[in-house]
PDB file of all heavy atoms in Angstrom:
ATOM      1  N   LYS A   1     112.085  85.459  84.137  1.00  0.00           N
ATOM      2  CA  LYS A   1     111.882  84.043  83.830  1.00  0.00           C
ATOM      3  C   LYS A   1     110.833  83.837  82.722  1.00  0.00           C
ATOM      4  O   LYS A   1     111.022  82.968  81.837  1.00  0.00           O
ATOM      5  CB  LYS A   1     111.428  83.318  85.099  1.00  0.00           C
ATOM      6  CG  LYS A   1     112.450  83.349  86.224  1.00  0.00           C
ATOM      7  CD  LYS A   1     111.906  82.810  87.526  1.00  0.00           C
ATOM      8  CE  LYS A   1     112.925  82.932  88.622  1.00  0.00           C
ATOM      9  NZ  LYS A   1     112.396  82.504  89.945  1.00  0.00           N
ATOM     10  N   THR A   2     109.791  84.614  82.712  1.00  0.00           N
ATOM     11  CA  THR A   2     108.732  84.424  81.727  1.00  0.00           C
ATOM     12  C   THR A   2     109.128  84.970  80.346  1.00  0.00           C
ATOM     13  O   THR A   2     108.584  84.520  79.348  1.00  0.00           O
ATOM     14  CB  THR A   2     107.432  85.077  82.173  1.00  0.00           C
ATOM     15  OG1 THR A   2     107.700  86.408  82.603  1.00  0.00           O
ATOM     16  CG2 THR A   2     106.822  84.297  83.340  1.00  0.00           C
ATOM     17  N   PHE A   3     110.054  85.931  80.297  1.00  0.00           N
ATOM     18  CA  PHE A   3     110.459  86.494  79.016  1.00  0.00           C
ATOM     19  C   PHE A   3     111.718  85.834  78.463  1.00  0.00           C
ATOM     20  O   PHE A   3     112.021  85.971  77.302  1.00  0.00           O
ATOM     21  CB  PHE A   3     110.731  87.997  79.179  1.00  0.00           C
ATOM     22  CG  PHE A   3     109.523  88.876  79.124  1.00  0.00           C
ATOM     23  CD1 PHE A   3     108.539  88.807  80.101  1.00  0.00           C
ATOM     24  CD2 PHE A   3     109.320  89.781  78.101  1.00  0.00           C
ATOM     25  CE1 PHE A   3     107.420  89.623  80.080  1.00  0.00           C
ATOM     26  CE2 PHE A   3     108.215  90.596  78.050  1.00  0.00           C
ATOM     27  CZ  PHE A   3     107.249  90.518  79.053  1.00  0.00           C
ATOM     28  N   ALA A   4     112.463  85.125  79.321  1.00  0.00           N
ATOM     29  CA  ALA A   4     113.789  84.642  78.909  1.00  0.00           C
ATOM     30  C   ALA A   4     113.709  83.558  77.844  1.00  0.00           C
ATOM     31  O   ALA A   4     114.411  83.619  76.842  1.00  0.00           O
ATOM     32  CB  ALA A   4     114.540  84.127  80.148  1.00  0.00           C
ATOM     33  N   THR A   5     112.883  82.565  78.085  1.00  0.00           N
ATOM     34  CA  THR A   5     112.831  81.407  77.157  1.00  0.00           C
ATOM     35  C   THR A   5     111.416  80.904  77.056  1.00  0.00           C
ATOM     36  O   THR A   5     110.552  81.250  77.867  1.00  0.00           O
ATOM     37  CB  THR A   5     113.726  80.259  77.646  1.00  0.00           C
ATOM     38  OG1 THR A   5     113.312  79.890  78.974  1.00  0.00           O
ATOM     39  CG2 THR A   5     115.199  80.666  77.678  1.00  0.00           C
ATOM     40  N   LYS A   6     111.188  80.054  76.102  1.00  0.00           N
ATOM     41  CA  LYS A   6     109.904  79.367  75.992  1.00  0.00           C
ATOM     42  C   LYS A   6     109.736  78.377  77.161  1.00  0.00           C
ATOM     43  O   LYS A   6     110.715  77.848  77.673  1.00  0.00           O
ATOM     44  CB  LYS A   6     109.794  78.598  74.682  1.00  0.00           C
ATOM     45  CG  LYS A   6     109.731  79.454  73.438  1.00  0.00           C
ATOM     46  CD  LYS A   6     109.597  78.571  72.211  1.00  0.00           C
ATOM     47  CE  LYS A   6     109.515  79.393  70.950  1.00  0.00           C
ATOM     48  NZ  LYS A   6     109.436  78.533  69.741  1.00  0.00           N
ATOM     49  N   SER A   7     108.499  78.159  77.569  1.00  0.00           N
ATOM     50  CA  SER A   7     108.229  77.151  78.602  1.00  0.00           C
ATOM     51  C   SER A   7     108.329  75.777  77.992  1.00  0.00           C
ATOM     52  O   SER A   7     107.603  75.463  77.011  1.00  0.00           O
ATOM     53  CB  SER A   7     106.818  77.336  79.174  1.00  0.00           C
ATOM     54  OG  SER A   7     106.668  78.634  79.673  1.00  0.00           O
ATOM     55  N   THR A   8     109.225  74.936  78.510  1.00  0.00           N
ATOM     56  CA  THR A   8     109.420  73.601  77.929  1.00  0.00           C
ATOM     57  C   THR A   8     109.200  72.489  78.936  1.00  0.00           C
ATOM     58  O   THR A   8     109.015  71.348  78.556  1.00  0.00           O
ATOM     59  CB  THR A   8     110.845  73.464  77.335  1.00  0.00           C
ATOM     60  OG1 THR A   8     111.787  73.742  78.359  1.00  0.00           O
ATOM     61  CG2 THR A   8     111.047  74.430  76.188  1.00  0.00           C
ATOM     62  N   VAL A   9     109.237  72.812  80.226  1.00  0.00           N
ATOM     63  CA  VAL A   9     109.050  71.800  81.258  1.00  0.00           C
ATOM     64  C   VAL A   9     108.013  72.277  82.276  1.00  0.00           C
ATOM     65  O   VAL A   9     107.831  73.468  82.486  1.00  0.00           O
ATOM     66  CB  VAL A   9     110.387  71.465  81.990  1.00  0.00           C
ATOM     67  CG1 VAL A   9     111.385  70.869  81.031  1.00  0.00           C
ATOM     68  CG2 VAL A   9     110.948  72.728  82.627  1.00  0.00           C
ATOM     69  N   GLN A  10     107.370  71.313  82.906  1.00  0.00           N
ATOM     70  CA  GLN A  10     106.418  71.652  83.953  1.00  0.00           C
ATOM     71  C   GLN A  10     107.179  72.004  85.245  1.00  0.00           C
ATOM     72  O   GLN A  10     108.092  71.285  85.640  1.00  0.00           O
ATOM     73  CB  GLN A  10     105.457  70.483  84.203  1.00  0.00           C
ATOM     74  CG  GLN A  10     104.564  70.191  83.017  1.00  0.00           C
ATOM     75  CD  GLN A  10     103.510  69.125  83.334  1.00  0.00           C
ATOM     76  OE1 GLN A  10     103.369  68.726  84.476  1.00  0.00           O
ATOM     77  NE2 GLN A  10     102.791  68.714  82.331  1.00  0.00           N
ATOM     78  N   LYS A  11     106.755  73.075  85.891  1.00  0.00           N
ATOM     79  CA  LYS A  11     107.495  73.514  87.069  1.00  0.00           C
ATOM     80  C   LYS A  11     106.585  74.389  87.918  1.00  0.00           C
ATOM     81  O   LYS A  11     105.784  75.154  87.403  1.00  0.00           O
ATOM     82  CB  LYS A  11     108.732  74.306  86.650  1.00  0.00           C
ATOM     83  CG  LYS A  11     109.625  74.719  87.793  1.00  0.00           C
ATOM     84  CD  LYS A  11     110.869  75.427  87.251  1.00  0.00           C
ATOM     85  CE  LYS A  11     111.825  75.800  88.395  1.00  0.00           C
ATOM     86  NZ  LYS A  11     113.049  76.481  87.884  1.00  0.00           N
ATOM     87  N   LEU A  12     106.723  74.273  89.249  1.00  0.00           N
ATOM     88  CA  LEU A  12     106.016  75.137  90.183  1.00  0.00           C
ATOM     89  C   LEU A  12     106.974  75.468  91.326  1.00  0.00           C
ATOM     90  O   LEU A  12     107.516  74.567  91.959  1.00  0.00           O
ATOM     91  CB  LEU A  12     104.766  74.472  90.719  1.00  0.00           C
ATOM     92  CG  LEU A  12     103.998  75.232  91.821  1.00  0.00           C
ATOM     93  CD1 LEU A  12     103.504  76.553  91.294  1.00  0.00           C
ATOM     94  CD2 LEU A  12     102.855  74.385  92.381  1.00  0.00           C
ATOM     95  N   GLN A  13     107.166  76.729  91.579  1.00  0.00           N
ATOM     96  CA  GLN A  13     108.056  77.157  92.647  1.00  0.00           C
ATOM     97  C   GLN A  13     107.503  78.390  93.338  1.00  0.00           C
ATOM     98  O   GLN A  13     107.073  79.346  92.696  1.00  0.00           O
ATOM     99  CB  GLN A  13     109.443  77.474  92.113  1.00  0.00           C
ATOM    100  CG  GLN A  13     110.463  77.783  93.186  1.00  0.00           C
ATOM    101  CD  GLN A  13     111.877  77.962  92.642  1.00  0.00           C
ATOM    102  OE1 GLN A  13     112.038  78.278  91.476  1.00  0.00           O
ATOM    103  NE2 GLN A  13     112.868  77.768  93.491  1.00  0.00           N
ATOM    104  N   THR A  14     107.447  78.310  94.664  1.00  0.00           N
ATOM    105  CA  THR A  14     106.954  79.396  95.489  1.00  0.00           C
ATOM    106  C   THR A  14     107.982  79.732  96.561  1.00  0.00           C
ATOM    107  O   THR A  14     108.497  78.821  97.234  1.00  0.00           O
ATOM    108  CB  THR A  14     105.616  79.057  96.165  1.00  0.00           C
ATOM    109  OG1 THR A  14     104.671  78.666  95.166  1.00  0.00           O
ATOM    110  CG2 THR A  14     105.067  80.236  96.952  1.00  0.00           C
ATOM    111  N   THR A  15     108.312  81.004  96.715  1.00  0.00           N
ATOM    112  CA  THR A  15     109.270  81.404  97.725  1.00  0.00           C
ATOM    113  C   THR A  15     108.711  82.603  98.495  1.00  0.00           C
ATOM    114  O   THR A  15     107.945  83.415  97.959  1.00  0.00           O
ATOM    115  CB  THR A  15     110.626  81.809  97.097  1.00  0.00           C
ATOM    116  OG1 THR A  15     110.404  82.876  96.184  1.00  0.00           O
ATOM    117  CG2 THR A  15     111.235  80.633  96.383  1.00  0.00           C
ATOM    118  N   ALA A  16     109.102  82.719  99.767  1.00  0.00           N
ATOM    119  CA  ALA A  16     108.662  83.841 100.578  1.00  0.00           C
ATOM    120  C   ALA A  16     109.728  84.085 101.653  1.00  0.00           C
ATOM    121  O   ALA A  16     110.255  83.149 102.243  1.00  0.00           O
ATOM    122  CB  ALA A  16     107.315  83.562 101.234  1.00  0.00           C
ATOM    123  N   GLN A  17     110.032  85.348 101.862  1.00  0.00           N
ATOM    124  CA  GLN A  17     110.979  85.742 102.884  1.00  0.00           C
ATOM    125  C   GLN A  17     110.358  86.868 103.701  1.00  0.00           C
ATOM    126  O   GLN A  17     109.876  87.857 103.158  1.00  0.00           O
ATOM    127  CB  GLN A  17     112.277  86.213 102.264  1.00  0.00           C
ATOM    128  CG  GLN A  17     113.300  86.732 103.268  1.00  0.00           C
ATOM    129  CD  GLN A  17     114.645  87.072 102.627  1.00  0.00           C
ATOM    130  OE1 GLN A  17     115.257  86.218 101.979  1.00  0.00           O
ATOM    131  NE2 GLN A  17     115.111  88.300 102.827  1.00  0.00           N
ATOM    132  N   PHE A  18     110.373  86.699 105.035  1.00  0.00           N
ATOM    133  CA  PHE A  18     109.818  87.683 105.942  1.00  0.00           C
ATOM    134  C   PHE A  18     110.936  88.153 106.887  1.00  0.00           C
ATOM    135  O   PHE A  18     111.603  87.342 107.511  1.00  0.00           O
ATOM    136  CB  PHE A  18     108.668  87.090 106.760  1.00  0.00           C
ATOM    137  CG  PHE A  18     107.581  86.479 105.906  1.00  0.00           C
ATOM    138  CD1 PHE A  18     107.599  85.127 105.596  1.00  0.00           C
ATOM    139  CD2 PHE A  18     106.565  87.255 105.408  1.00  0.00           C
ATOM    140  CE1 PHE A  18     106.614  84.564 104.829  1.00  0.00           C
ATOM    141  CE2 PHE A  18     105.565  86.716 104.619  1.00  0.00           C
ATOM    142  CZ  PHE A  18     105.586  85.355 104.316  1.00  0.00           C
ATOM    143  N   THR A  19     111.090  89.487 106.973  1.00  0.00           N
ATOM    144  CA  THR A  19     112.187  90.035 107.748  1.00  0.00           C
ATOM    145  C   THR A  19     111.670  91.135 108.684  1.00  0.00           C
ATOM    146  O   THR A  19     110.797  91.912 108.315  1.00  0.00           O
ATOM    147  CB  THR A  19     113.260  90.670 106.816  1.00  0.00           C
ATOM    148  OG1 THR A  19     113.629  89.739 105.815  1.00  0.00           O
ATOM    149  CG2 THR A  19     114.505  91.053 107.622  1.00  0.00           C
ATOM    150  N   GLY A  20     112.208  91.164 109.891  1.00  0.00           N
ATOM    151  CA  GLY A  20     111.898  92.210 110.853  1.00  0.00           C
ATOM    152  C   GLY A  20     113.176  92.707 111.499  1.00  0.00           C
ATOM    153  O   GLY A  20     114.180  91.998 111.538  1.00  0.00           O
ATOM    154  N   GLY A  21     113.149  93.952 112.011  1.00  0.00           N
ATOM    155  CA  GLY A  21     114.360  94.472 112.605  1.00  0.00           C
ATOM    156  C   GLY A  21     114.148  95.759 113.371  1.00  0.00           C
ATOM    157  O   GLY A  21     113.005  96.158 113.640  1.00  0.00           O
ATOM    158  N   GLU A  22     115.225  96.411 113.687  1.00  0.00           N
ATOM    159  CA  GLU A  22     115.168  97.665 114.426  1.00  0.00           C
ATOM    160  C   GLU A  22     114.475  98.760 113.658  1.00  0.00           C
ATOM    161  O   GLU A  22     114.296  98.676 112.433  1.00  0.00           O
ATOM    162  CB  GLU A  22     116.587  98.126 114.746  1.00  0.00           C
ATOM    163  CG  GLU A  22     117.375  97.196 115.693  1.00  0.00           C
ATOM    164  CD  GLU A  22     118.767  97.753 115.953  1.00  0.00           C
ATOM    165  OE1 GLU A  22     119.600  97.733 115.019  1.00  0.00           O
ATOM    166  OE2 GLU A  22     118.987  98.237 117.072  1.00  0.00           O
ATOM    167  N   TYR A  23     114.065  99.787 114.392  1.00  0.00           N
ATOM    168  CA  TYR A  23     113.420 100.998 113.828  1.00  0.00           C
ATOM    169  C   TYR A  23     112.169 100.650 113.037  1.00  0.00           C
ATOM    170  O   TYR A  23     111.866 101.222 111.995  1.00  0.00           O
ATOM    171  CB  TYR A  23     114.419 101.756 112.931  1.00  0.00           C
ATOM    172  CG  TYR A  23     115.734 101.997 113.616  1.00  0.00           C
ATOM    173  CD1 TYR A  23     116.855 101.227 113.305  1.00  0.00           C
ATOM    174  CD2 TYR A  23     115.858 102.961 114.615  1.00  0.00           C
ATOM    175  CE1 TYR A  23     118.072 101.432 113.926  1.00  0.00           C
ATOM    176  CE2 TYR A  23     117.086 103.160 115.255  1.00  0.00           C
ATOM    177  CZ  TYR A  23     118.184 102.419 114.906  1.00  0.00           C
ATOM    178  OH  TYR A  23     119.372 102.597 115.538  1.00  0.00           O
ATOM    179  N   GLY A  24     111.410  99.673 113.565  1.00  0.00           N
ATOM    180  CA  GLY A  24     110.154  99.298 112.985  1.00  0.00           C
ATOM    181  C   GLY A  24     110.259  98.695 111.599  1.00  0.00           C
ATOM    182  O   GLY A  24     109.291  98.731 110.821  1.00  0.00           O
ATOM    183  N   PHE A  25     111.414  98.094 111.287  1.00  0.00           N
ATOM    184  CA  PHE A  25     111.597  97.546 109.943  1.00  0.00           C
ATOM    185  C   PHE A  25     110.884  96.236 109.768  1.00  0.00           C
ATOM    186  O   PHE A  25     110.995  95.325 110.601  1.00  0.00           O
ATOM    187  CB  PHE A  25     113.097  97.345 109.670  1.00  0.00           C
ATOM    188  CG  PHE A  25     113.376  96.696 108.330  1.00  0.00           C
ATOM    189  CD1 PHE A  25     113.185  97.404 107.150  1.00  0.00           C
ATOM    190  CD2 PHE A  25     113.771  95.369 108.242  1.00  0.00           C
ATOM    191  CE1 PHE A  25     113.431  96.810 105.925  1.00  0.00           C
ATOM    192  CE2 PHE A  25     114.017  94.779 107.017  1.00  0.00           C
ATOM    193  CZ  PHE A  25     113.862  95.501 105.868  1.00  0.00           C
ATOM    194  N   TYR A  26     110.116  96.118 108.664  1.00  0.00           N
ATOM    195  CA  TYR A  26     109.578  94.828 108.269  1.00  0.00           C
ATOM    196  C   TYR A  26     109.559  94.753 106.741  1.00  0.00           C
ATOM    197  O   TYR A  26     109.371  95.769 106.064  1.00  0.00           O
ATOM    198  CB  TYR A  26     108.176  94.590 108.850  1.00  0.00           C
ATOM    199  CG  TYR A  26     107.102  95.529 108.352  1.00  0.00           C
ATOM    200  CD1 TYR A  26     106.273  95.194 107.282  1.00  0.00           C
ATOM    201  CD2 TYR A  26     106.893  96.746 108.992  1.00  0.00           C
ATOM    202  CE1 TYR A  26     105.295  96.041 106.843  1.00  0.00           C
ATOM    203  CE2 TYR A  26     105.891  97.618 108.559  1.00  0.00           C
ATOM    204  CZ  TYR A  26     105.106  97.249 107.492  1.00  0.00           C
ATOM    205  OH  TYR A  26     104.105  98.102 107.050  1.00  0.00           O
ATOM    206  N   SER A  27     109.783  93.556 106.258  1.00  0.00           N
ATOM    207  CA  SER A  27     109.916  93.358 104.809  1.00  0.00           C
ATOM    208  C   SER A  27     109.292  92.043 104.404  1.00  0.00           C
ATOM    209  O   SER A  27     109.365  91.039 105.126  1.00  0.00           O
ATOM    210  CB  SER A  27     111.402  93.381 104.409  1.00  0.00           C
ATOM    211  OG  SER A  27     111.563  93.058 103.039  1.00  0.00           O
ATOM    212  N   VAL A  28     108.679  92.042 103.213  1.00  0.00           N
ATOM    213  CA  VAL A  28     108.140  90.825 102.609  1.00  0.00           C
ATOM    214  C   VAL A  28     108.681  90.734 101.188  1.00  0.00           C
ATOM    215  O   VAL A  28     108.586  91.697 100.411  1.00  0.00           O
ATOM    216  CB  VAL A  28     106.580  90.856 102.567  1.00  0.00           C
ATOM    217  CG1 VAL A  28     106.064  89.627 101.851  1.00  0.00           C
ATOM    218  CG2 VAL A  28     106.015  90.954 103.967  1.00  0.00           C
ATOM    219  N   ASN A  29     109.250  89.599 100.852  1.00  0.00           N
ATOM    220  CA  ASN A  29     109.734  89.345  99.501  1.00  0.00           C
ATOM    221  C   ASN A  29     109.186  87.950  99.118  1.00  0.00           C
ATOM    222  O   ASN A  29     109.691  86.935  99.599  1.00  0.00           O
ATOM    223  CB  ASN A  29     111.249  89.376  99.441  1.00  0.00           C
ATOM    224  CG  ASN A  29     111.788  89.023  98.053  1.00  0.00           C
ATOM    225  OD1 ASN A  29     111.083  89.147  97.057  1.00  0.00           O
ATOM    226  ND2 ASN A  29     113.032  88.580  98.001  1.00  0.00           N
ATOM    227  N   ALA A  30     108.175  87.915  98.246  1.00  0.00           N
ATOM    228  CA  ALA A  30     107.530  86.661  97.897  1.00  0.00           C
ATOM    229  C   ALA A  30     107.347  86.578  96.390  1.00  0.00           C
ATOM    230  O   ALA A  30     107.212  87.595  95.714  1.00  0.00           O
ATOM    231  CB  ALA A  30     106.163  86.512  98.605  1.00  0.00           C
ATOM    232  N   ALA A  31     107.350  85.344  95.873  1.00  0.00           N
ATOM    233  CA  ALA A  31     107.230  85.141  94.432  1.00  0.00           C
ATOM    234  C   ALA A  31     106.677  83.755  94.148  1.00  0.00           C
ATOM    235  O   ALA A  31     106.844  82.826  94.934  1.00  0.00           O
ATOM    236  CB  ALA A  31     108.560  85.346  93.719  1.00  0.00           C
ATOM    237  N   VAL A  32     106.045  83.621  92.981  1.00  0.00           N
ATOM    238  CA  VAL A  32     105.594  82.340  92.472  1.00  0.00           C
ATOM    239  C   VAL A  32     105.918  82.255  90.998  1.00  0.00           C
ATOM    240  O   VAL A  32     105.826  83.244  90.276  1.00  0.00           O
ATOM    241  CB  VAL A  32     104.068  82.146  92.716  1.00  0.00           C
ATOM    242  CG1 VAL A  32     103.248  83.208  92.004  1.00  0.00           C
ATOM    243  CG2 VAL A  32     103.629  80.740  92.278  1.00  0.00           C
ATOM    244  N   TYR A  33     106.360  81.094  90.561  1.00  0.00           N
ATOM    245  CA  TYR A  33     106.628  80.866  89.146  1.00  0.00           C
ATOM    246  C   TYR A  33     106.028  79.482  88.801  1.00  0.00           C
ATOM    247  O   TYR A  33     106.290  78.475  89.516  1.00  0.00           O
ATOM    248  CB  TYR A  33     108.100  80.891  88.812  1.00  0.00           C
ATOM    249  CG  TYR A  33     108.382  80.530  87.353  1.00  0.00           C
ATOM    250  CD1 TYR A  33     108.166  81.486  86.349  1.00  0.00           C
ATOM    251  CD2 TYR A  33     108.827  79.273  87.002  1.00  0.00           C
ATOM    252  CE1 TYR A  33     108.411  81.149  85.030  1.00  0.00           C
ATOM    253  CE2 TYR A  33     109.062  78.943  85.672  1.00  0.00           C
ATOM    254  CZ  TYR A  33     108.853  79.908  84.689  1.00  0.00           C
ATOM    255  OH  TYR A  33     109.080  79.569  83.379  1.00  0.00           O
ATOM    256  N   ALA A  34     105.245  79.423  87.717  1.00  0.00           N
ATOM    257  CA  ALA A  34     104.610  78.158  87.335  1.00  0.00           C
ATOM    258  C   ALA A  34     104.672  78.017  85.831  1.00  0.00           C
ATOM    259  O   ALA A  34     104.559  79.014  85.076  1.00  0.00           O
ATOM    260  CB  ALA A  34     103.165  78.106  87.808  1.00  0.00           C
ATOM    261  N   SER A  35     104.866  76.782  85.383  1.00  0.00           N
ATOM    262  CA  SER A  35     104.886  76.493  83.942  1.00  0.00           C
ATOM    263  C   SER A  35     104.307  75.110  83.709  1.00  0.00           C
ATOM    264  O   SER A  35     104.592  74.172  84.456  1.00  0.00           O
ATOM    265  CB  SER A  35     106.331  76.557  83.407  1.00  0.00           C
ATOM    266  OG  SER A  35     106.357  76.149  82.042  1.00  0.00           O
ATOM    267  N   ASN A  36     103.495  74.977  82.680  1.00  0.00           N
ATOM    268  CA  ASN A  36     102.956  73.661  82.310  1.00  0.00           C
ATOM    269  C   ASN A  36     103.618  73.122  81.036  1.00  0.00           C
ATOM    270  O   ASN A  36     103.113  72.145  80.441  1.00  0.00           O
ATOM    271  CB  ASN A  36     101.460  73.729  82.121  1.00  0.00           C
ATOM    272  CG  ASN A  36     101.017  74.644  80.990  1.00  0.00           C
ATOM    273  OD1 ASN A  36     101.853  75.163  80.245  1.00  0.00           O
ATOM    274  ND2 ASN A  36      99.726  74.862  80.845  1.00  0.00           N
ATOM    275  N   GLY A  37     104.707  73.739  80.628  1.00  0.00           N
ATOM    276  CA  GLY A  37     105.385  73.314  79.423  1.00  0.00           C
ATOM    277  C   GLY A  37     105.030  74.115  78.204  1.00  0.00           C
ATOM    278  O   GLY A  37     105.695  74.056  77.169  1.00  0.00           O
ATOM    279  N   LYS A  38     103.962  74.903  78.323  1.00  0.00           N
ATOM    280  CA  LYS A  38     103.519  75.741  77.221  1.00  0.00           C
ATOM    281  C   LYS A  38     103.245  77.186  77.664  1.00  0.00           C
ATOM    282  O   LYS A  38     103.580  78.127  76.957  1.00  0.00           O
ATOM    283  CB  LYS A  38     102.258  75.168  76.597  1.00  0.00           C
ATOM    284  CG  LYS A  38     101.853  75.806  75.282  1.00  0.00           C
ATOM    285  CD  LYS A  38     100.715  75.076  74.625  1.00  0.00           C
ATOM    286  CE  LYS A  38     100.381  75.649  73.253  1.00  0.00           C
ATOM    287  NZ  LYS A  38      99.263  74.898  72.601  1.00  0.00           N
ATOM    288  N   THR A  39     102.688  77.331  78.841  1.00  0.00           N
ATOM    289  CA  THR A  39     102.399  78.616  79.403  1.00  0.00           C
ATOM    290  C   THR A  39     103.110  78.781  80.731  1.00  0.00           C
ATOM    291  O   THR A  39     103.135  77.856  81.559  1.00  0.00           O
ATOM    292  CB  THR A  39     100.884  78.771  79.646  1.00  0.00           C
ATOM    293  OG1 THR A  39     100.185  78.626  78.418  1.00  0.00           O
ATOM    294  CG2 THR A  39     100.581  80.173  80.206  1.00  0.00           C
ATOM    295  N   SER A  40     103.754  79.934  80.902  1.00  0.00           N
ATOM    296  CA  SER A  40     104.439  80.217  82.162  1.00  0.00           C
ATOM    297  C   SER A  40     103.847  81.476  82.809  1.00  0.00           C
ATOM    298  O   SER A  40     103.367  82.367  82.114  1.00  0.00           O
ATOM    299  CB  SER A  40     105.938  80.407  81.944  1.00  0.00           C
ATOM    300  OG  SER A  40     106.170  81.489  81.063  1.00  0.00           O
ATOM    301  N   PHE A  41     103.884  81.491  84.133  1.00  0.00           N
ATOM    302  CA  PHE A  41     103.354  82.599  84.887  1.00  0.00           C
ATOM    303  C   PHE A  41     104.283  82.932  86.022  1.00  0.00           C
ATOM    304  O   PHE A  41     104.767  82.045  86.741  1.00  0.00           O
ATOM    305  CB  PHE A  41     101.971  82.263  85.453  1.00  0.00           C
ATOM    306  CG  PHE A  41     101.429  83.323  86.394  1.00  0.00           C
ATOM    307  CD1 PHE A  41     100.875  84.479  85.935  1.00  0.00           C
ATOM    308  CD2 PHE A  41     101.519  83.119  87.776  1.00  0.00           C
ATOM    309  CE1 PHE A  41     100.403  85.443  86.810  1.00  0.00           C
ATOM    310  CE2 PHE A  41     101.044  84.086  88.660  1.00  0.00           C
ATOM    311  CZ  PHE A  41     100.477  85.251  88.170  1.00  0.00           C
TER     312      PHE A  41
END
């Protein structure tokens, strides 16, 4: 997202997924993306 295009709009998005299962399985998949129209992170 940060390399694809220039930042042109303000945006904030946060996602997180937590998973558990058999055989002691646990997983975390989390991300944040923010843009003020000029700088994106």
